[in-house]
């Protein structure tokens, strides 16, 4: 094989490797954020407050009034 052929094969292989690397790169989407606040005391407080507000709204609707 001539040197030019080996160089051209190397370039082709590099191009293919680059395409595969781009294809397999992780995509940015919402699933990356799942679990990022696990164990956070601040998020637990926020969740508790929101749950309390929702329950108060449910109680108000059951009692026939709106807040």
N, C-alpha and C. Protein backbone atom coordinates (compact mmCIF):
# COMPACT_ATOMS: atom_id res chain seq x y z
N UNK A 1 0.84 -1.18 0.00
CA UNK A 1 0.00 0.00 0.00
C UNK A 1 0.88 1.24 0.00
N UNK A 2 0.45 2.21 -0.70
CA UNK A 2 1.23 3.44 -0.76
C UNK A 2 0.91 4.30 0.46
N UNK A 3 1.78 5.24 0.77
CA UNK A 3 1.62 6.12 1.92
C UNK A 3 0.35 6.97 1.80
N UNK A 4 0.05 7.42 0.56
CA UNK A 4 -1.15 8.23 0.33
C UNK A 4 -2.41 7.44 0.69
N UNK A 5 -2.44 6.18 0.38
CA UNK A 5 -3.61 5.36 0.68
C UNK A 5 -3.78 5.17 2.18
N UNK A 6 -2.69 4.95 2.88
CA UNK A 6 -2.76 4.81 4.34
C UNK A 6 -3.23 6.12 4.97
N UNK A 7 -2.72 7.23 4.50
CA UNK A 7 -3.16 8.54 5.02
C UNK A 7 -4.63 8.77 4.74
N UNK A 8 -5.07 8.41 3.54
CA UNK A 8 -6.49 8.63 3.22
C UNK A 8 -7.37 7.72 4.08
N UNK A 9 -6.93 6.50 4.35
CA UNK A 9 -7.69 5.62 5.23
C UNK A 9 -7.73 6.17 6.66
N UNK A 10 -6.62 6.70 7.12
CA UNK A 10 -6.59 7.29 8.46
C UNK A 10 -7.57 8.45 8.56
N UNK A 11 -7.62 9.28 7.53
CA UNK A 11 -8.55 10.42 7.54
C UNK A 11 -10.00 9.93 7.53
N UNK A 12 -10.27 8.91 6.74
CA UNK A 12 -11.63 8.37 6.68
C UNK A 12 -12.03 7.77 8.02
N UNK A 13 -11.10 7.05 8.66
CA UNK A 13 -11.39 6.46 9.96
C UNK A 13 -11.63 7.56 10.99
N UNK A 14 -10.82 8.60 10.98
CA UNK A 14 -11.01 9.72 11.90
C UNK A 14 -12.38 10.36 11.70
N UNK A 15 -12.77 10.53 10.44
CA UNK A 15 -14.08 11.13 10.15
C UNK A 15 -15.20 10.25 10.68
N UNK A 16 -15.08 8.94 10.49
CA UNK A 16 -16.10 8.02 10.99
C UNK A 16 -16.15 8.03 12.52
N UNK A 17 -15.00 8.03 13.15
CA UNK A 17 -14.97 8.08 14.61
C UNK A 17 -15.62 9.35 15.13
N UNK A 18 -15.39 10.46 14.46
CA UNK A 18 -15.99 11.72 14.86
C UNK A 18 -17.51 11.65 14.73
N UNK A 19 -18.00 11.07 13.64
CA UNK A 19 -19.45 10.95 13.44
C UNK A 19 -20.07 10.09 14.53
N UNK A 20 -19.43 8.98 14.87
CA UNK A 20 -19.95 8.12 15.92
C UNK A 20 -19.92 8.83 17.27
N UNK A 21 -18.88 9.57 17.54
CA UNK A 21 -18.79 10.32 18.80
C UNK A 21 -19.91 11.34 18.90
N UNK A 22 -20.21 12.03 17.80
CA UNK A 22 -21.30 13.03 17.80
C UNK A 22 -22.64 12.34 17.98
N UNK A 23 -22.81 11.20 17.35
CA UNK A 23 -24.08 10.49 17.43
C UNK A 23 -24.34 9.97 18.84
N UNK A 24 -23.29 9.51 19.51
CA UNK A 24 -23.44 8.92 20.83
C UNK A 24 -23.36 9.93 21.96
N UNK A 25 -23.13 11.19 21.64
CA UNK A 25 -23.04 12.22 22.68
C UNK A 25 -24.39 12.36 23.38
N UNK A 26 -24.37 12.49 24.70
CA UNK A 26 -25.64 12.63 25.41
C UNK A 26 -26.36 13.91 25.01
N UNK A 27 -27.64 13.80 24.83
CA UNK A 27 -28.47 14.95 24.46
C UNK A 27 -28.89 15.67 25.74
N UNK A 28 -28.98 16.98 25.67
CA UNK A 28 -29.47 17.75 26.80
C UNK A 28 -31.00 17.71 26.77
N UNK A 29 -31.57 17.22 27.83
CA UNK A 29 -33.02 17.25 27.97
C UNK A 29 -33.38 17.21 29.45
N UNK A 30 -34.65 17.25 29.74
CA UNK A 30 -35.13 17.37 31.11
C UNK A 30 -34.73 16.18 31.96
N UNK A 31 -34.51 15.02 31.36
CA UNK A 31 -34.21 13.82 32.15
C UNK A 31 -32.86 13.93 32.87
N UNK A 32 -31.99 14.81 32.40
CA UNK A 32 -30.71 14.98 33.07
C UNK A 32 -30.89 15.60 34.46
N UNK A 33 -31.99 16.30 34.68
CA UNK A 33 -32.19 16.98 35.96
C UNK A 33 -32.92 16.10 36.98
N UNK A 34 -33.43 14.94 36.56
CA UNK A 34 -34.14 14.06 37.48
C UNK A 34 -33.19 13.61 38.57
N UNK A 35 -33.59 13.81 39.81
CA UNK A 35 -32.81 13.37 40.94
C UNK A 35 -31.73 14.33 41.41
N UNK A 36 -31.56 15.45 40.74
CA UNK A 36 -30.46 16.33 41.12
C UNK A 36 -30.68 17.02 42.47
N UNK A 37 -31.91 17.01 42.98
CA UNK A 37 -32.19 17.63 44.27
C UNK A 37 -32.50 16.60 45.35
N UNK A 38 -32.24 15.31 45.07
CA UNK A 38 -32.47 14.28 46.07
C UNK A 38 -31.66 14.58 47.32
N UNK A 39 -32.31 14.49 48.45
CA UNK A 39 -31.62 14.73 49.71
C UNK A 39 -31.46 16.19 50.08
N UNK A 40 -31.99 17.10 49.28
CA UNK A 40 -31.87 18.53 49.56
C UNK A 40 -32.95 18.95 50.56
N UNK A 41 -32.52 19.49 51.68
CA UNK A 41 -33.46 19.94 52.70
C UNK A 41 -34.33 21.09 52.18
N UNK A 42 -33.76 21.98 51.40
CA UNK A 42 -34.52 23.10 50.85
C UNK A 42 -35.63 22.59 49.93
N UNK A 43 -35.32 21.62 49.07
CA UNK A 43 -36.35 21.09 48.17
C UNK A 43 -37.43 20.34 48.95
N UNK A 44 -37.04 19.67 50.04
CA UNK A 44 -38.04 18.99 50.87
C UNK A 44 -38.99 20.02 51.47
N UNK A 45 -38.46 21.15 51.94
CA UNK A 45 -39.31 22.20 52.50
C UNK A 45 -40.24 22.76 51.43
N UNK A 46 -39.72 22.97 50.24
CA UNK A 46 -40.55 23.49 49.14
C UNK A 46 -41.66 22.49 48.82
N UNK A 47 -41.30 21.22 48.69
CA UNK A 47 -42.30 20.18 48.39
C UNK A 47 -43.38 20.13 49.46
N UNK A 48 -42.96 20.21 50.74
CA UNK A 48 -43.93 20.18 51.84
C UNK A 48 -44.88 21.37 51.78
N UNK A 49 -44.34 22.56 51.51
CA UNK A 49 -45.18 23.76 51.42
C UNK A 49 -46.17 23.66 50.26
N UNK A 50 -45.70 23.19 49.13
CA UNK A 50 -46.58 23.06 47.97
C UNK A 50 -47.68 22.03 48.25
N UNK A 51 -47.32 20.92 48.87
CA UNK A 51 -48.31 19.90 49.21
C UNK A 51 -49.36 20.47 50.16
N UNK A 52 -48.92 21.27 51.13
CA UNK A 52 -49.86 21.88 52.07
C UNK A 52 -50.79 22.86 51.36
N UNK A 53 -50.26 23.65 50.44
CA UNK A 53 -51.11 24.58 49.68
C UNK A 53 -52.13 23.83 48.83
N UNK A 54 -51.70 22.77 48.19
CA UNK A 54 -52.64 21.99 47.37
C UNK A 54 -53.73 21.36 48.22
N UNK A 55 -53.35 20.83 49.37
CA UNK A 55 -54.36 20.24 50.25
C UNK A 55 -55.34 21.29 50.74
N UNK A 56 -54.85 22.49 51.04
CA UNK A 56 -55.75 23.58 51.46
C UNK A 56 -56.72 23.93 50.33
N UNK A 57 -56.24 23.94 49.10
CA UNK A 57 -57.13 24.21 47.96
C UNK A 57 -58.16 23.11 47.80
N UNK A 58 -57.74 21.85 47.97
CA UNK A 58 -58.71 20.74 47.87
C UNK A 58 -59.78 20.85 48.94
N UNK A 59 -59.36 21.17 50.19
CA UNK A 59 -60.32 21.33 51.28
C UNK A 59 -61.31 22.45 50.96
N UNK A 60 -60.80 23.54 50.42
CA UNK A 60 -61.67 24.69 50.10
C UNK A 60 -62.69 24.30 49.05
N UNK A 61 -62.29 23.54 48.06
CA UNK A 61 -63.21 23.12 46.99
C UNK A 61 -64.27 22.17 47.57
N UNK A 62 -63.83 21.24 48.44
CA UNK A 62 -64.80 20.31 49.03
C UNK A 62 -65.80 21.05 49.90
N UNK A 63 -65.38 22.12 50.53
CA UNK A 63 -66.28 22.90 51.39
C UNK A 63 -67.09 23.91 50.61
N UNK A 64 -66.87 24.00 49.30
CA UNK A 64 -67.67 24.87 48.47
C UNK A 64 -67.22 26.31 48.44
N UNK A 65 -66.01 26.57 48.76
CA UNK A 65 -65.51 27.94 48.69
C UNK A 65 -64.19 27.96 47.95
N UNK A 66 -63.84 29.10 47.45
CA UNK A 66 -62.56 29.23 46.77
C UNK A 66 -61.68 30.19 47.56
N UNK A 67 -60.38 30.00 47.44
CA UNK A 67 -59.46 30.88 48.18
C UNK A 67 -58.85 31.87 47.25
